[in-house]
Amino acid sequence: MTSVKRWLLPDGVEDILPAEAYRLELLRRDLLDLYKSWGYELVIPPLIEFLDSLLVGTSQDLDIHTFKITDQLSGKMMGIRADITPQAARIDAHSLNREGVVRLCYADSTLHTKPRGIMTSRVPIRIGAELYGHSGVAADIELICMMNESLLRAGIKDVHIVLGHVGVFRSLLEGAQLEPSVERQLFEAVQRKAYDEIDQLLVSAVADVNLRQQLQDLSRLSGDETVLERARQVFADAPSTVVDELDELIEIAEGAKRRLGAISLGFDLCELRGYEYHTGIVFAAYTPAYGRAV
C-alpha cells in the first residue's frame, strides 16, 4: 500500500479544515443560543446505543443507514446513530419523563452507511429542535418560524418552505388495509413520485375504486395554495380525519404567514419525511442553490 492510499478517507467522509471548522462552530453556537432564547434545552445523546432502543419506531430507511456493531461487553448489537431525532424522543419519554411541554435541541455528528444523495456526506452534522407535549398548531408554527430564522442566520436566502401532513396519507391507507410490504412499496414510490408505479400498485392492491382514485390523486397534489382547494374537492367524501388534517394544514400555513410575513410557501401532500415516527405536519425548506431539502 502506498503512503498516499494509506491516508485516503472513505468515500463520503471528509475532514473539516480550520477555516470551515471555525465557521461551522460559530454558526453552531449562534443557533444553540437562538434555540435557548426560545426555551429549548440542549441535550447530547450518545453516539452509540443498543440497536433495539436506537431504532424503535423508526423507518426501514433509517435501519439501512445505521452502522451496526457488536458490544464487546454485553454481546448485544449496537448502532451508531444515523439521526438524532429518535434519540431526542427517547430522552423526552424516558430520561426526562416530564409532564407538559418539553423543548429540546441538539447539535452533533451522525454517521451513515451510505450517502443519502449525490455528493452528500456520510458524516453529516445535525442541528435541530424538537417540541413534545403540545399537539396544537401553535407548536408547528413555532418550529417553522425557528427553522426559517435558523436558515437566515446561516446565510441561506430565497428559502421556499414546503408543508405536508403525514396524517392524510395514513388515514387513506387505513381504509386500504394493505400488506406491510405493499405499503412500503407504495410509500417508496410516492416519495419518488413514480406515478406509473404508484398506479400499478394501487390497481393490484386496492379494490375500492374511489379510495384507489383518492390515493392516486394524493400523489399528484403538490404546488401552491391552490393545491389545498383541489385537495378539498378530491377528499370531499374521504374519512372525516382527512378533512380535519387538511384544515389543520391550512391553519398552520396561515399562522406561519402571519408570523413571518412575506414567506414563500408550497404544499406537498406526499411530503412524508419521518413517516414512521411523525403523525402530523411535516415541513422542509428548499433553496435554488441546492437540489435537496436543506
Protein backbone atom coordinates (compact mmCIF):
# COMPACT_ATOMS: atom_id res chain seq x y z
CA MET A 1 0.00 0.00 0.00
CA THR A 2 1.44 3.38 -0.99
CA SER A 3 1.65 6.19 1.54
CA VAL A 4 -0.94 8.19 -0.44
CA LYS A 5 -3.52 5.39 -0.34
CA ARG A 6 -2.88 4.82 3.37
CA TRP A 7 -4.19 8.30 4.19
CA LEU A 8 -7.23 8.24 1.93
CA LEU A 9 -10.56 8.66 3.71
CA PRO A 10 -13.60 6.50 2.81
CA ASP A 11 -15.99 7.79 0.16
CA GLY A 12 -18.35 10.36 1.61
CA VAL A 13 -16.10 11.01 4.63
CA GLU A 14 -14.11 14.22 4.83
CA ASP A 15 -12.01 16.40 7.12
CA ILE A 16 -13.35 19.83 8.02
CA LEU A 17 -10.35 22.12 7.81
CA PRO A 18 -9.65 25.14 10.08
CA ALA A 19 -11.46 27.98 8.29
CA GLU A 20 -14.60 25.94 7.63
CA ALA A 21 -14.48 24.29 11.05
CA TYR A 22 -14.42 27.67 12.81
CA ARG A 23 -17.25 28.99 10.64
CA LEU A 24 -19.36 25.94 11.48
CA GLU A 25 -18.58 26.27 15.18
CA LEU A 26 -19.64 29.93 15.21
CA LEU A 27 -22.89 29.01 13.46
CA ARG A 28 -23.49 26.14 15.91
CA ARG A 29 -23.08 28.49 18.89
CA ASP A 30 -25.32 31.11 17.30
CA LEU A 31 -28.10 28.63 16.58
CA LEU A 32 -27.95 26.99 20.00
CA ASP A 33 -28.15 30.45 21.60
CA LEU A 34 -31.17 31.15 19.40
CA TYR A 35 -32.88 27.94 20.50
CA LYS A 36 -32.11 28.69 24.14
CA SER A 37 -33.77 32.10 23.76
CA TRP A 38 -36.89 30.24 22.59
CA GLY A 39 -36.80 27.99 25.66
CA TYR A 40 -35.13 24.91 24.16
CA GLU A 41 -32.77 22.86 26.34
CA LEU A 42 -29.63 21.31 24.90
CA VAL A 43 -29.19 17.52 25.04
CA ILE A 44 -26.18 15.47 23.91
CA PRO A 45 -27.26 11.88 23.20
CA PRO A 46 -24.59 9.17 22.94
CA LEU A 47 -23.07 8.32 19.57
CA ILE A 48 -23.97 4.64 20.05
CA GLU A 49 -26.92 2.84 21.64
CA PHE A 50 -28.28 -0.66 21.76
CA LEU A 51 -29.93 -1.28 18.43
CA ASP A 52 -33.35 -2.20 19.84
CA SER A 53 -33.70 1.21 21.52
CA LEU A 54 -31.96 3.25 18.82
CA LEU A 55 -34.27 2.09 16.02
CA VAL A 56 -37.55 1.58 17.89
CA GLY A 57 -40.43 3.18 15.99
CA THR A 58 -38.19 4.29 13.13
CA SER A 59 -38.13 3.53 9.42
CA GLN A 60 -36.52 0.79 7.39
CA ASP A 61 -34.60 3.55 5.65
CA LEU A 62 -33.01 4.61 8.94
CA ASP A 63 -32.18 0.97 9.69
CA ILE A 64 -30.37 0.66 6.35
CA HIS A 65 -28.35 3.82 7.02
CA THR A 66 -27.32 2.73 10.54
CA PHE A 67 -23.92 1.12 11.14
CA LYS A 68 -24.21 -1.96 13.38
CA ILE A 69 -21.50 -3.21 15.73
CA THR A 70 -21.30 -5.82 18.49
CA ASP A 71 -20.85 -4.58 22.06
CA GLN A 72 -17.73 -6.33 23.36
CA LEU A 73 -19.06 -6.11 26.95
CA SER A 74 -22.60 -7.45 26.60
CA GLY A 75 -22.53 -9.20 23.23
CA LYS A 76 -25.61 -7.21 22.17
CA MET A 77 -25.94 -5.39 18.87
CA MET A 78 -25.39 -1.65 18.98
CA GLY A 79 -25.98 1.02 16.37
CA ILE A 80 -24.09 4.20 15.54
CA ARG A 81 -26.76 6.86 15.18
CA ALA A 82 -27.78 7.97 11.69
CA ASP A 83 -30.28 10.51 13.08
CA ILE A 84 -30.68 12.33 16.40
CA THR A 85 -34.45 12.86 16.32
CA PRO A 86 -35.31 9.37 17.68
CA GLN A 87 -32.73 9.82 20.44
CA ALA A 88 -34.28 13.13 21.48
CA ALA A 89 -37.69 11.42 21.60
CA ARG A 90 -36.25 8.69 23.84
CA ILE A 91 -34.74 11.28 26.18
CA ASP A 92 -38.08 13.08 26.43
CA ALA A 93 -40.08 9.90 27.06
CA HIS A 94 -37.72 8.00 29.36
CA SER A 95 -34.78 10.03 30.65
CA LEU A 96 -36.72 13.21 31.45
CA ASN A 97 -40.29 11.88 31.61
CA ARG A 98 -41.70 15.33 32.40
CA GLU A 99 -45.30 16.45 32.40
CA GLY A 100 -46.33 19.18 29.99
CA VAL A 101 -44.40 20.79 27.16
CA VAL A 102 -40.74 19.86 26.68
CA ARG A 103 -38.43 21.70 24.27
CA LEU A 104 -35.13 20.05 23.35
CA CYS A 105 -32.37 20.93 20.90
CA TYR A 106 -29.18 19.22 19.75
CA ALA A 107 -26.13 19.72 17.53
CA ASP A 108 -23.85 16.79 16.83
CA SER A 109 -22.42 14.41 14.24
CA THR A 110 -24.17 11.39 12.75
CA LEU A 111 -22.90 8.53 10.59
CA HIS A 112 -24.50 6.94 7.52
CA THR A 113 -23.66 3.61 5.92
CA LYS A 114 -24.10 5.23 2.51
CA PRO A 115 -24.74 8.76 1.21
CA ARG A 116 -28.36 9.91 1.08
CA GLY A 117 -27.76 11.68 -2.20
CA ILE A 118 -25.17 12.60 -4.79
CA MET A 119 -22.19 14.43 -3.27
CA THR A 120 -23.64 14.23 0.26
CA SER A 121 -21.58 13.43 3.33
CA ARG A 122 -21.75 10.16 5.24
CA VAL A 123 -20.82 12.04 8.43
CA PRO A 124 -23.33 14.91 8.43
CA ILE A 125 -23.59 17.30 11.35
CA ARG A 126 -27.19 17.62 12.52
CA ILE A 127 -28.64 20.56 14.41
CA GLY A 128 -32.30 20.68 15.29
CA ALA A 129 -35.06 21.27 17.79
CA GLU A 130 -37.96 19.12 18.96
CA LEU A 131 -41.11 20.14 20.82
CA TYR A 132 -43.01 17.49 22.80
CA GLY A 133 -46.24 17.52 24.78
CA HIS A 134 -48.14 20.07 22.67
CA SER A 135 -50.49 18.78 19.99
CA GLY A 136 -51.84 22.17 18.87
CA VAL A 137 -50.96 24.04 15.70
CA ALA A 138 -49.02 26.63 17.73
CA ALA A 139 -46.20 24.11 18.18
CA ASP A 140 -45.84 23.54 14.43
CA ILE A 141 -45.94 27.28 13.73
CA GLU A 142 -43.22 27.86 16.34
CA LEU A 143 -40.94 25.25 14.77
CA ILE A 144 -41.50 26.59 11.25
CA CYS A 145 -40.57 30.09 12.46
CA MET A 146 -37.47 28.74 14.20
CA MET A 147 -36.42 26.86 11.08
CA ASN A 148 -36.81 29.99 8.98
CA GLU A 149 -34.76 32.07 11.43
CA SER A 150 -32.08 29.35 11.55
CA LEU A 151 -31.72 29.39 7.77
CA LEU A 152 -31.50 33.19 7.71
CA ARG A 153 -28.72 33.12 10.32
CA ALA A 154 -26.91 30.52 8.24
CA GLY A 155 -26.95 32.95 5.32
CA ILE A 156 -29.38 30.89 3.24
CA LYS A 157 -31.56 33.12 1.07
CA ASP A 158 -34.60 32.66 -1.17
CA VAL A 159 -36.00 29.98 1.12
CA HIS A 160 -39.10 28.11 -0.05
CA ILE A 161 -40.90 26.15 2.69
CA VAL A 162 -42.99 23.13 1.72
CA LEU A 163 -45.66 21.86 4.13
CA GLY A 164 -47.29 18.45 4.17
CA HIS A 165 -49.37 16.30 6.50
CA VAL A 166 -48.44 12.67 7.10
CA GLY A 167 -51.89 12.06 8.58
CA VAL A 168 -53.65 12.38 5.21
CA PHE A 169 -51.63 9.51 3.75
CA ARG A 170 -52.05 7.46 6.94
CA SER A 171 -55.83 7.98 7.06
CA LEU A 172 -56.27 6.84 3.46
CA LEU A 173 -54.04 3.80 3.98
CA GLU A 174 -56.12 2.68 6.95
CA GLY A 175 -59.04 2.18 4.60
CA ALA A 176 -56.88 0.37 2.04
CA GLN A 177 -55.66 -2.24 4.58
CA LEU A 178 -52.53 -3.03 2.59
CA GLU A 179 -49.98 -5.69 3.42
CA PRO A 180 -46.93 -4.13 5.12
CA SER A 181 -44.69 -4.99 2.17
CA VAL A 182 -47.09 -3.36 -0.29
CA GLU A 183 -47.46 -0.30 1.95
CA ARG A 184 -43.68 0.04 1.98
CA GLN A 185 -43.50 -0.21 -1.82
CA LEU A 186 -46.23 2.40 -2.15
CA PHE A 187 -44.51 4.72 0.31
CA GLU A 188 -41.23 4.49 -1.61
CA ALA A 189 -42.97 5.06 -4.95
CA VAL A 190 -44.81 8.09 -3.54
CA GLN A 191 -41.54 9.53 -2.24
CA ARG A 192 -40.05 9.23 -5.72
CA LYS A 193 -43.28 10.47 -7.33
CA ALA A 194 -43.10 7.43 -9.61
CA TYR A 195 -46.66 7.84 -10.88
CA ASP A 196 -46.80 4.77 -13.14
CA GLU A 197 -45.51 2.56 -10.34
CA ILE A 198 -47.99 4.10 -7.89
CA ASP A 199 -50.89 3.44 -10.24
CA GLN A 200 -49.83 -0.17 -10.85
CA LEU A 201 -49.51 -0.88 -7.13
CA LEU A 202 -52.91 0.64 -6.37
CA VAL A 203 -54.69 -1.20 -9.19
CA SER A 204 -53.38 -4.54 -7.93
CA ALA A 205 -53.77 -3.89 -4.18
CA VAL A 206 -56.81 -1.61 -3.64
CA ALA A 207 -60.22 -2.96 -4.64
CA ASP A 208 -62.22 0.14 -3.65
CA VAL A 209 -62.25 2.25 -6.82
CA ASN A 210 -62.97 5.52 -5.01
CA LEU A 211 -60.19 5.00 -2.45
CA ARG A 212 -57.80 3.98 -5.20
CA GLN A 213 -58.54 7.20 -7.08
CA GLN A 214 -58.04 9.27 -3.93
CA LEU A 215 -54.62 7.71 -3.35
CA GLN A 216 -53.69 8.30 -6.98
CA ASP A 217 -54.78 11.92 -6.73
CA LEU A 218 -52.88 12.36 -3.46
CA SER A 219 -49.60 11.56 -5.18
CA ARG A 220 -50.18 14.46 -7.59
CA LEU A 221 -51.16 17.10 -5.03
CA SER A 222 -48.21 19.46 -4.79
CA GLY A 223 -47.80 23.13 -5.61
CA ASP A 224 -49.05 26.48 -4.33
CA GLU A 225 -52.10 27.23 -2.17
CA THR A 226 -54.49 26.10 -4.92
CA VAL A 227 -53.40 22.55 -4.02
CA LEU A 228 -55.39 22.80 -0.79
CA GLU A 229 -58.56 23.76 -2.63
CA ARG A 230 -58.08 20.85 -5.04
CA ALA A 231 -57.49 18.56 -2.08
CA ARG A 232 -60.78 19.63 -0.50
CA GLN A 233 -62.57 18.60 -3.69
CA VAL A 234 -60.69 15.31 -4.09
CA PHE A 235 -61.29 14.27 -0.48
CA ALA A 236 -64.83 15.61 -0.10
CA ASP A 237 -66.14 12.12 0.73
CA ALA A 238 -62.96 10.84 2.42
CA PRO A 239 -62.91 9.96 6.14
CA SER A 240 -63.54 12.96 8.37
CA THR A 241 -59.98 12.71 9.70
CA VAL A 242 -58.65 13.64 6.25
CA VAL A 243 -60.77 16.80 6.17
CA ASP A 244 -59.63 17.70 9.70
CA GLU A 245 -55.99 17.22 8.69
CA LEU A 246 -56.41 19.49 5.67
CA ASP A 247 -57.99 22.14 7.91
CA GLU A 248 -55.04 21.82 10.29
CA LEU A 249 -52.59 22.29 7.42
CA ILE A 250 -54.41 25.43 6.27
CA GLU A 251 -54.44 26.84 9.81
CA ILE A 252 -50.70 26.28 10.21
CA ALA A 253 -49.93 27.87 6.83
CA GLU A 254 -51.99 30.94 7.73
CA GLY A 255 -50.34 31.16 11.15
CA ALA A 256 -46.85 30.92 9.65
CA LYS A 257 -47.65 33.69 7.16
CA ARG A 258 -48.92 35.93 9.96
CA ARG A 259 -45.71 35.41 11.93
CA LEU A 260 -43.22 35.55 9.06
CA GLY A 261 -44.87 37.94 6.62
CA ALA A 262 -43.65 37.58 3.04
CA ILE A 263 -42.76 33.90 3.13
CA SER A 264 -42.66 31.55 0.14
CA LEU A 265 -44.90 28.59 0.98
CA GLY A 266 -45.71 25.48 -1.01
CA PHE A 267 -47.64 22.33 -0.26
CA ASP A 268 -46.95 18.67 -0.95
CA LEU A 269 -49.34 16.10 0.48
CA CYS A 270 -46.78 13.42 -0.34
CA GLU A 271 -44.06 15.07 1.76
CA LEU A 272 -43.65 12.11 4.13
CA ARG A 273 -40.34 12.69 5.93
CA GLY A 274 -40.24 10.74 9.17
CA TYR A 275 -43.41 8.88 8.14
CA GLU A 276 -42.77 6.09 10.66
CA TYR A 277 -42.45 8.43 13.65
CA HIS A 278 -44.39 11.55 12.61
CA THR A 279 -48.18 11.63 12.63
CA GLY A 280 -48.99 15.21 11.70
CA ILE A 281 -47.44 18.20 9.99
CA VAL A 282 -44.09 17.81 8.25
CA PHE A 283 -42.13 20.56 6.54
CA ALA A 284 -38.93 21.08 4.60
CA ALA A 285 -37.05 24.09 3.24
CA TYR A 286 -35.57 24.44 -0.23
CA THR A 287 -33.37 26.99 -1.93
CA PRO A 288 -32.49 27.39 -5.63
CA ALA A 289 -28.80 26.91 -4.83
CA TYR A 290 -29.32 23.37 -3.52
CA GLY A 291 -31.21 20.50 -5.12
CA ARG A 292 -32.34 18.83 -1.89
CA ALA A 293 -34.09 19.94 1.27
CA VAL A 294 -31.63 21.98 3.35
